[in-house]
Amino acid sequence: QVQLVESGGGLVQPGGSLSVSCVASGFAFASYAMSWYRQAPGKEREWVASITATSSRRNYSDSVKGRFTISRVNAKKTVYLQMNSLKPEDTAVYYCNGLGWWGQGTQVTVSS
């Protein structure tokens, strides 16, 4: 059974940094691209970043490019999202996605 478990969310001040992670199980993690999405209150879920299976290519939405970094460690079946220079508009529940499956999400709140 595919399972994705996010963690690492929390409250951070504007301009601060936070890293969230997602541990996968139930599928051949090292063979598949992974993505991060987010959903802010009252808004649709939006794509944030993706990384290929071998980390050869990473893509970002324009809203986070230059501030966020997606990475993965296949031996740990884990994908990460390092978020720097956080803004209040980054406040959302962050979800990882692989093979079309979703985790439960982790809340990130950017506020002073």
Protein backbone atom coordinates (compact mmCIF):
# COMPACT_ATOMS: atom_id res chain seq x y z
CA GLN A 1 0.00 0.00 0.00
CA VAL A 2 1.35 3.40 -1.00
CA GLN A 3 1.87 5.74 1.91
CA LEU A 4 3.30 9.26 2.02
CA VAL A 5 3.90 10.92 5.37
CA GLU A 6 4.83 14.60 5.55
CA SER A 7 6.39 16.29 8.56
CA GLY A 8 8.31 19.36 9.57
CA GLY A 9 5.71 22.08 9.25
CA GLY A 10 5.26 24.80 11.82
CA LEU A 11 5.13 28.51 12.52
CA VAL A 12 7.90 30.72 11.19
CA GLN A 13 8.38 34.47 10.92
CA PRO A 14 8.50 36.22 7.55
CA GLY A 15 11.97 35.94 6.08
CA GLY A 16 12.64 32.75 7.98
CA SER A 17 13.36 29.22 6.81
CA LEU A 18 11.72 25.86 7.25
CA SER A 19 12.23 22.39 5.84
CA VAL A 20 9.49 19.84 5.33
CA SER A 21 9.98 16.20 4.45
CA CYS A 22 7.96 13.32 3.08
CA VAL A 23 8.71 9.66 3.72
CA ALA A 24 7.35 7.23 1.15
CA SER A 25 6.54 3.54 1.35
CA GLY A 26 4.74 0.91 -0.68
CA PHE A 27 6.29 1.62 -4.06
CA ALA A 28 9.68 1.79 -5.80
CA PHE A 29 10.43 5.32 -4.66
CA ALA A 30 13.76 5.55 -6.48
CA SER A 31 12.06 5.00 -9.83
CA TYR A 32 9.59 7.86 -9.75
CA ALA A 33 9.46 11.62 -9.83
CA MET A 34 8.07 13.32 -6.77
CA SER A 35 6.34 16.65 -6.30
CA TRP A 36 5.29 19.10 -3.64
CA TYR A 37 1.98 20.95 -3.73
CA ARG A 38 0.35 23.37 -1.35
CA GLN A 39 -3.14 24.54 -0.54
CA ALA A 40 -3.86 27.84 1.16
CA PRO A 41 -7.16 28.49 2.95
CA GLY A 42 -9.92 29.13 0.45
CA LYS A 43 -7.70 28.40 -2.54
CA GLU A 44 -7.14 25.48 -4.86
CA ARG A 45 -4.20 23.16 -4.41
CA GLU A 46 -1.24 24.38 -6.46
CA TRP A 47 1.92 22.75 -7.69
CA VAL A 48 5.12 23.97 -6.00
CA ALA A 49 8.06 21.85 -7.19
CA SER A 50 9.03 18.54 -8.78
CA ILE A 51 12.14 16.41 -8.89
CA THR A 52 12.96 13.52 -11.21
CA ALA A 53 13.80 10.06 -9.93
CA THR A 54 17.56 10.61 -10.16
CA SER A 55 17.43 14.29 -9.13
CA SER A 56 18.68 15.21 -12.62
CA ARG A 57 16.01 17.83 -13.07
CA ARG A 58 14.09 20.04 -10.67
CA ASN A 59 11.30 22.43 -11.54
CA TYR A 60 9.66 25.15 -9.52
CA SER A 61 6.64 27.35 -9.75
CA ASP A 62 7.39 30.99 -10.40
CA SER A 63 6.11 31.92 -6.95
CA VAL A 64 8.83 29.92 -5.15
CA LYS A 65 11.70 29.86 -7.66
CA GLY A 66 14.91 31.03 -6.06
CA ARG A 67 13.57 30.58 -2.52
CA PHE A 68 12.62 26.89 -2.30
CA THR A 69 14.75 23.83 -3.02
CA ILE A 70 13.41 20.32 -3.59
CA SER A 71 15.70 17.37 -2.97
CA ARG A 72 15.51 13.65 -2.29
CA VAL A 73 17.47 10.81 -0.74
CA ASN A 74 16.39 7.61 -2.43
CA ALA A 75 18.07 5.39 0.15
CA LYS A 76 15.80 6.97 2.76
CA LYS A 77 12.75 7.08 0.47
CA THR A 78 12.42 10.72 1.45
CA VAL A 79 11.80 13.92 -0.46
CA TYR A 80 12.48 17.32 1.08
CA LEU A 81 11.43 20.91 0.51
CA GLN A 82 13.76 23.54 1.91
CA MET A 83 11.95 26.86 2.12
CA ASN A 84 13.88 30.10 2.58
CA SER A 85 12.85 33.76 2.63
CA LEU A 86 9.36 32.71 3.58
CA LYS A 87 6.47 35.10 3.02
CA PRO A 88 3.01 35.22 4.59
CA GLU A 89 1.60 34.11 1.24
CA ASP A 90 3.52 30.84 1.60
CA THR A 91 1.14 29.90 4.40
CA ALA A 92 -0.56 26.66 3.36
CA VAL A 93 -0.81 22.95 3.93
CA TYR A 94 2.04 21.34 2.05
CA TYR A 95 1.51 17.96 0.42
CA CYS A 96 3.86 15.57 -1.33
CA ASN A 97 2.72 13.59 -4.32
CA GLY A 98 4.05 10.48 -5.95
CA LEU A 99 2.36 8.12 -8.38
CA GLY A 100 -0.75 10.21 -7.96
CA TRP A 101 -0.95 9.46 -4.25
CA TRP A 102 -1.15 12.19 -1.60
CA GLY A 103 0.08 12.44 1.93
CA GLN A 104 -1.95 13.98 4.75
CA GLY A 105 -0.10 17.27 4.50
CA THR A 106 1.82 19.42 6.94
CA GLN A 107 0.83 22.96 7.94
CA VAL A 108 3.24 25.80 7.30
CA THR A 109 2.30 29.18 8.76
CA VAL A 110 4.33 32.29 8.05
CA SER A 111 3.40 35.06 10.43
CA SER A 112 4.92 37.56 12.80
